Amino acid sequence: MEMKTQCEKCDMELQQDGVAYICSYECTYCEECTKQMDNVCPNCSGELVRRPKRTKKENE
């Protein structure tokens, strides 16, 4: 999964360990834009769900 670093609607910076929402095609949005769009991706009409946080590898 690509961890995008900007909201596709408002261009707000997204932290890799912060809150972000994605659809099944990995379109990525901030929490505020997701609320404004009623959790529906404007590109594919799919559900926006909270992006999982990436766990750190042992050597990090």
PDB file of N, CA and C in Angstrom:
ATOM      1  N   MET A   1       0.840  -1.172   0.000  1.00  0.00           N
ATOM      2  CA  MET A   1       0.000   0.000   0.000  1.00  0.00           C
ATOM      3  C   MET A   1       0.889   1.241   0.000  1.00  0.00           C
ATOM      4  N   GLU A   2       0.582   2.159  -0.886  1.00  0.00           N
ATOM      5  CA  GLU A   2       1.310   3.427  -0.926  1.00  0.00           C
ATOM      6  C   GLU A   2       0.745   4.344   0.155  1.00  0.00           C
ATOM      7  N   MET A   3       1.597   4.886   0.984  1.00  0.00           N
ATOM      8  CA  MET A   3       1.165   5.791   2.049  1.00  0.00           C
ATOM      9  C   MET A   3       1.297   7.223   1.529  1.00  0.00           C
ATOM     10  N   LYS A   4       0.238   7.729   0.920  1.00  0.00           N
ATOM     11  CA  LYS A   4       0.272   9.074   0.347  1.00  0.00           C
ATOM     12  C   LYS A   4       0.384  10.107   1.459  1.00  0.00           C
ATOM     13  N   THR A   5       1.008  11.227   1.135  1.00  0.00           N
ATOM     14  CA  THR A   5       1.319  12.224   2.159  1.00  0.00           C
ATOM     15  C   THR A   5       0.501  13.501   2.052  1.00  0.00           C
ATOM     16  N   GLN A   6      -0.472  13.539   1.111  1.00  0.00           N
ATOM     17  CA  GLN A   6      -1.321  14.721   0.970  1.00  0.00           C
ATOM     18  C   GLN A   6      -2.756  14.318   0.705  1.00  0.00           C
ATOM     19  N   CYS A   7      -3.679  15.104   1.270  1.00  0.00           N
ATOM     20  CA  CYS A   7      -5.096  14.922   0.985  1.00  0.00           C
ATOM     21  C   CYS A   7      -5.332  15.271  -0.482  1.00  0.00           C
ATOM     22  N   GLU A   8      -6.072  14.422  -1.181  1.00  0.00           N
ATOM     23  CA  GLU A   8      -6.323  14.649  -2.607  1.00  0.00           C
ATOM     24  C   GLU A   8      -7.323  15.771  -2.870  1.00  0.00           C
ATOM     25  N   LYS A   9      -8.035  16.226  -1.840  1.00  0.00           N
ATOM     26  CA  LYS A   9      -9.011  17.304  -2.031  1.00  0.00           C
ATOM     27  C   LYS A   9      -8.440  18.671  -1.641  1.00  0.00           C
ATOM     28  N   CYS A  10      -7.835  18.763  -0.444  1.00  0.00           N
ATOM     29  CA  CYS A  10      -7.393  20.074   0.048  1.00  0.00           C
ATOM     30  C   CYS A  10      -5.872  20.236   0.091  1.00  0.00           C
ATOM     31  N   ASP A  11      -5.132  19.193  -0.265  1.00  0.00           N
ATOM     32  CA  ASP A  11      -3.663  19.202  -0.275  1.00  0.00           C
ATOM     33  C   ASP A  11      -3.018  19.324   1.106  1.00  0.00           C
ATOM     34  N   MET A  12      -3.796  19.095   2.166  1.00  0.00           N
ATOM     35  CA  MET A  12      -3.230  19.127   3.512  1.00  0.00           C
ATOM     36  C   MET A  12      -2.205  18.000   3.660  1.00  0.00           C
ATOM     37  N   GLU A  13      -1.117  18.288   4.364  1.00  0.00           N
ATOM     38  CA  GLU A  13      -0.098  17.263   4.597  1.00  0.00           C
ATOM     39  C   GLU A  13      -0.642  16.205   5.550  1.00  0.00           C
ATOM     40  N   LEU A  14      -0.408  14.939   5.218  1.00  0.00           N
ATOM     41  CA  LEU A  14      -0.848  13.820   6.045  1.00  0.00           C
ATOM     42  C   LEU A  14       0.377  13.095   6.588  1.00  0.00           C
ATOM     43  N   GLN A  15       0.410  12.898   7.885  1.00  0.00           N
ATOM     44  CA  GLN A  15       1.505  12.166   8.517  1.00  0.00           C
ATOM     45  C   GLN A  15       1.295  10.672   8.317  1.00  0.00           C
ATOM     46  N   GLN A  16       2.371   9.929   8.138  1.00  0.00           N
ATOM     47  CA  GLN A  16       2.252   8.481   7.937  1.00  0.00           C
ATOM     48  C   GLN A  16       1.604   7.795   9.125  1.00  0.00           C
ATOM     49  N   ASP A  17       1.815   8.320  10.331  1.00  0.00           N
ATOM     50  CA  ASP A  17       1.206   7.707  11.509  1.00  0.00           C
ATOM     51  C   ASP A  17      -0.033   8.468  11.971  1.00  0.00           C
ATOM     52  N   GLY A  18      -0.515   9.400  11.137  1.00  0.00           N
ATOM     53  CA  GLY A  18      -1.688  10.191  11.480  1.00  0.00           C
ATOM     54  C   GLY A  18      -2.963   9.622  10.881  1.00  0.00           C
ATOM     55  N   VAL A  19      -4.058  10.341  11.100  1.00  0.00           N
ATOM     56  CA  VAL A  19      -5.366   9.915  10.605  1.00  0.00           C
ATOM     57  C   VAL A  19      -5.514  10.301   9.138  1.00  0.00           C
ATOM     58  N   ALA A  20      -5.896   9.342   8.333  1.00  0.00           N
ATOM     59  CA  ALA A  20      -6.199   9.559   6.917  1.00  0.00           C
ATOM     60  C   ALA A  20      -7.228   8.515   6.514  1.00  0.00           C
ATOM     61  N   TYR A  21      -7.960   8.804   5.453  1.00  0.00           N
ATOM     62  CA  TYR A  21      -9.000   7.890   4.976  1.00  0.00           C
ATOM     63  C   TYR A  21      -8.726   7.521   3.530  1.00  0.00           C
ATOM     64  N   ILE A  22      -9.009   6.264   3.177  1.00  0.00           N
ATOM     65  CA  ILE A  22      -8.757   5.767   1.827  1.00  0.00           C
ATOM     66  C   ILE A  22      -9.954   4.977   1.315  1.00  0.00           C
ATOM     67  N   CYS A  23     -10.048   4.889  -0.019  1.00  0.00           N
ATOM     68  CA  CYS A  23     -11.021   3.996  -0.651  1.00  0.00           C
ATOM     69  C   CYS A  23     -10.264   2.751  -1.110  1.00  0.00           C
ATOM     70  N   SER A  24     -10.945   1.839  -1.759  1.00  0.00           N
ATOM     71  CA  SER A  24     -10.292   0.595  -2.195  1.00  0.00           C
ATOM     72  C   SER A  24      -9.240   0.840  -3.281  1.00  0.00           C
ATOM     73  N   TYR A  25      -9.277   2.013  -3.930  1.00  0.00           N
ATOM     74  CA  TYR A  25      -8.269   2.362  -4.938  1.00  0.00           C
ATOM     75  C   TYR A  25      -7.142   3.210  -4.347  1.00  0.00           C
ATOM     76  N   GLU A  26      -7.161   3.382  -3.026  1.00  0.00           N
ATOM     77  CA  GLU A  26      -6.154   4.127  -2.275  1.00  0.00           C
ATOM     78  C   GLU A  26      -6.179   5.632  -2.522  1.00  0.00           C
ATOM     79  N   CYS A  27      -7.314   6.174  -2.990  1.00  0.00           N
ATOM     80  CA  CYS A  27      -7.476   7.625  -2.985  1.00  0.00           C
ATOM     81  C   CYS A  27      -7.423   8.018  -1.510  1.00  0.00           C
ATOM     82  N   THR A  28      -6.749   9.099  -1.185  1.00  0.00           N
ATOM     83  CA  THR A  28      -6.452   9.421   0.209  1.00  0.00           C
ATOM     84  C   THR A  28      -6.937  10.822   0.561  1.00  0.00           C
ATOM     85  N   TYR A  29      -7.606  10.928   1.724  1.00  0.00           N
ATOM     86  CA  TYR A  29      -8.191  12.195   2.161  1.00  0.00           C
ATOM     87  C   TYR A  29      -7.965  12.410   3.650  1.00  0.00           C
ATOM     88  N   CYS A  30      -7.948  13.679   4.052  1.00  0.00           N
ATOM     89  CA  CYS A  30      -7.845  14.018   5.470  1.00  0.00           C
ATOM     90  C   CYS A  30      -9.199  13.774   6.147  1.00  0.00           C
ATOM     91  N   GLU A  31      -9.197  13.837   7.457  1.00  0.00           N
ATOM     92  CA  GLU A  31     -10.417  13.567   8.223  1.00  0.00           C
ATOM     93  C   GLU A  31     -11.513  14.591   7.919  1.00  0.00           C
ATOM     94  N   GLU A  32     -11.153  15.864   7.832  1.00  0.00           N
ATOM     95  CA  GLU A  32     -12.152  16.916   7.587  1.00  0.00           C
ATOM     96  C   GLU A  32     -12.809  16.765   6.214  1.00  0.00           C
ATOM     97  N   CYS A  33     -12.017  16.542   5.180  1.00  0.00           N
ATOM     98  CA  CYS A  33     -12.587  16.362   3.838  1.00  0.00           C
ATOM     99  C   CYS A  33     -13.452  15.107   3.780  1.00  0.00           C
ATOM    100  N   THR A  34     -13.017  14.047   4.456  1.00  0.00           N
ATOM    101  CA  THR A  34     -13.796  12.807   4.483  1.00  0.00           C
ATOM    102  C   THR A  34     -15.166  13.058   5.094  1.00  0.00           C
ATOM    103  N   LYS A  35     -15.213  13.823   6.181  1.00  0.00           N
ATOM    104  CA  LYS A  35     -16.503  14.162   6.811  1.00  0.00           C
ATOM    105  C   LYS A  35     -17.368  14.963   5.844  1.00  0.00           C
ATOM    106  N   GLN A  36     -16.772  15.945   5.168  1.00  0.00           N
ATOM    107  CA  GLN A  36     -17.523  16.783   4.227  1.00  0.00           C
ATOM    108  C   GLN A  36     -18.097  15.963   3.071  1.00  0.00           C
ATOM    109  N   MET A  37     -17.419  14.872   2.713  1.00  0.00           N
ATOM    110  CA  MET A  37     -17.858  14.026   1.591  1.00  0.00           C
ATOM    111  C   MET A  37     -18.690  12.834   2.067  1.00  0.00           C
ATOM    112  N   ASP A  38     -19.081  12.840   3.359  1.00  0.00           N
ATOM    113  CA  ASP A  38     -19.903  11.762   3.933  1.00  0.00           C
ATOM    114  C   ASP A  38     -19.283  10.380   3.741  1.00  0.00           C
ATOM    115  N   ASN A  39     -17.967  10.296   3.867  1.00  0.00           N
ATOM    116  CA  ASN A  39     -17.225   9.029   3.759  1.00  0.00           C
ATOM    117  C   ASN A  39     -17.393   8.340   2.411  1.00  0.00           C
ATOM    118  N   VAL A  40     -17.586   9.127   1.344  1.00  0.00           N
ATOM    119  CA  VAL A  40     -17.728   8.574  -0.006  1.00  0.00           C
ATOM    120  C   VAL A  40     -16.654   9.192  -0.896  1.00  0.00           C
ATOM    121  N   CYS A  41     -15.891   8.350  -1.565  1.00  0.00           N
ATOM    122  CA  CYS A  41     -14.843   8.818  -2.467  1.00  0.00           C
ATOM    123  C   CYS A  41     -15.477   9.491  -3.688  1.00  0.00           C
ATOM    124  N   PRO A  42     -15.068  10.718  -4.019  1.00  0.00           N
ATOM    125  CA  PRO A  42     -15.639  11.401  -5.184  1.00  0.00           C
ATOM    126  C   PRO A  42     -15.162  10.813  -6.515  1.00  0.00           C
ATOM    127  N   ASN A  43     -14.097  10.030  -6.495  1.00  0.00           N
ATOM    128  CA  ASN A  43     -13.560   9.447  -7.728  1.00  0.00           C
ATOM    129  C   ASN A  43     -14.253   8.154  -8.128  1.00  0.00           C
ATOM    130  N   CYS A  44     -14.536   7.294  -7.142  1.00  0.00           N
ATOM    131  CA  CYS A  44     -15.090   5.973  -7.470  1.00  0.00           C
ATOM    132  C   CYS A  44     -16.417   5.681  -6.775  1.00  0.00           C
ATOM    133  N   SER A  45     -16.882   6.601  -5.937  1.00  0.00           N
ATOM    134  CA  SER A  45     -18.115   6.437  -5.142  1.00  0.00           C
ATOM    135  C   SER A  45     -17.994   5.323  -4.110  1.00  0.00           C
ATOM    136  N   GLY A  46     -16.772   4.880  -3.840  1.00  0.00           N
ATOM    137  CA  GLY A  46     -16.542   3.842  -2.834  1.00  0.00           C
ATOM    138  C   GLY A  46     -16.502   4.421  -1.432  1.00  0.00           C
ATOM    139  N   GLU A  47     -16.600   3.544  -0.461  1.00  0.00           N
ATOM    140  CA  GLU A  47     -16.559   3.933   0.945  1.00  0.00           C
ATOM    141  C   GLU A  47     -15.145   4.349   1.335  1.00  0.00           C
ATOM    142  N   LEU A  48     -15.049   5.431   2.096  1.00  0.00           N
ATOM    143  CA  LEU A  48     -13.767   5.854   2.653  1.00  0.00           C
ATOM    144  C   LEU A  48     -13.660   5.309   4.068  1.00  0.00           C
ATOM    145  N   VAL A  49     -12.570   4.603   4.327  1.00  0.00           N
ATOM    146  CA  VAL A  49     -12.330   4.014   5.640  1.00  0.00           C
ATOM    147  C   VAL A  49     -10.982   4.496   6.162  1.00  0.00           C
ATOM    148  N   ARG A  50     -10.821   4.417   7.467  1.00  0.00           N
ATOM    149  CA  ARG A  50      -9.575   4.887   8.068  1.00  0.00           C
ATOM    150  C   ARG A  50      -8.398   4.050   7.570  1.00  0.00           C
ATOM    151  N   ARG A  51      -7.356   4.740   7.151  1.00  0.00           N
ATOM    152  CA  ARG A  51      -6.153   4.076   6.645  1.00  0.00           C
ATOM    153  C   ARG A  51      -5.428   3.399   7.806  1.00  0.00           C
ATOM    154  N   PRO A  52      -5.020   2.143   7.625  1.00  0.00           N
ATOM    155  CA  PRO A  52      -4.282   1.475   8.705  1.00  0.00           C
ATOM    156  C   PRO A  52      -2.920   2.124   8.908  1.00  0.00           C
ATOM    157  N   LYS A  53      -2.453   2.082  10.136  1.00  0.00           N
ATOM    158  CA  LYS A  53      -1.127   2.616  10.433  1.00  0.00           C
ATOM    159  C   LYS A  53      -0.094   1.555  10.118  1.00  0.00           C
ATOM    160  N   ARG A  54       1.003   1.990   9.558  1.00  0.00           N
ATOM    161  CA  ARG A  54       2.089   1.072   9.230  1.00  0.00           C
ATOM    162  C   ARG A  54       2.908   0.813  10.493  1.00  0.00           C
ATOM    163  N   THR A  55       3.177  -0.449  10.757  1.00  0.00           N
ATOM    164  CA  THR A  55       4.003  -0.786  11.913  1.00  0.00           C
ATOM    165  C   THR A  55       5.469  -0.622  11.546  1.00  0.00           C
ATOM    166  N   LYS A  56       6.266  -0.272  12.528  1.00  0.00           N
ATOM    167  CA  LYS A  56       7.696  -0.092  12.288  1.00  0.00           C
ATOM    168  C   LYS A  56       8.377  -1.443  12.254  1.00  0.00           C
ATOM    169  N   LYS A  57       9.366  -1.546  11.399  1.00  0.00           N
ATOM    170  CA  LYS A  57      10.173  -2.762  11.336  1.00  0.00           C
ATOM    171  C   LYS A  57      11.113  -2.788  12.533  1.00  0.00           C
ATOM    172  N   GLU A  58      11.563  -3.972  12.906  1.00  0.00           N
ATOM    173  CA  GLU A  58      12.435  -4.121  14.066  1.00  0.00           C
ATOM    174  C   GLU A  58      13.697  -3.286  13.977  1.00  0.00           C
ATOM    175  N   ASN A  59      14.242  -3.121  12.791  1.00  0.00           N
ATOM    176  CA  ASN A  59      15.500  -2.384  12.638  1.00  0.00           C
ATOM    177  C   ASN A  59      15.306  -0.879  12.506  1.00  0.00           C
ATOM    178  N   GLU A  60      14.096  -0.382  12.665  1.00  0.00           N
ATOM    179  CA  GLU A  60      13.856   1.069  12.559  1.00  0.00           C
ATOM    180  C   GLU A  60      13.976   1.744  13.893  1.00  0.00           C
TER     181      GLU A  60
END
